[in-house]
Amino acid sequence: MFRCECNTTARRLPDSGAALYEQLADLVRRGRVEWVHFCAAGMDGQMFIPLIRAAHAAGIKMTYCPGVYATPIAQYVIAHVLSCTRMLREHAEQQASKTWAPLMQRDPRGAVVGVVGAG
């Protein structure tokens, strides 16, 4: 049976993500949780470890969302590339100051992109 304790828990939420996952791990250890779902693309984050260990020890199901952020991240990257190559910040600054100076924009077609931290 699922019972929500959101109102009482929300008042006691810690400031850091690590402390939050430690509190959730404590709920698992006390037998208050039957299923843990990580709303994340991966479960390898250091802050998840206490909760993963508690869930594994309790033998409860763990799930996560691989690929859940693929589309929003791709859209963000495209927007950022266009923002940088088309110098949107500089154009906005000129517009705000009511000045104009030529800006050398770049064309992103054919650009080489390096991916760091591919998940």
Foldseek 3Di string as FASTA:
>chain_A
DDDDPCVVVVVVADDDLLVNLLVVLVCLQVVNDQEAEAADQDQPDPSNVSNVVSCVVSVHYYYYDNPPCVVVVVVVVVVVVCCVQVVVVVVVVCVVVVHDDDDHGDDCVPDDDDDDPPD
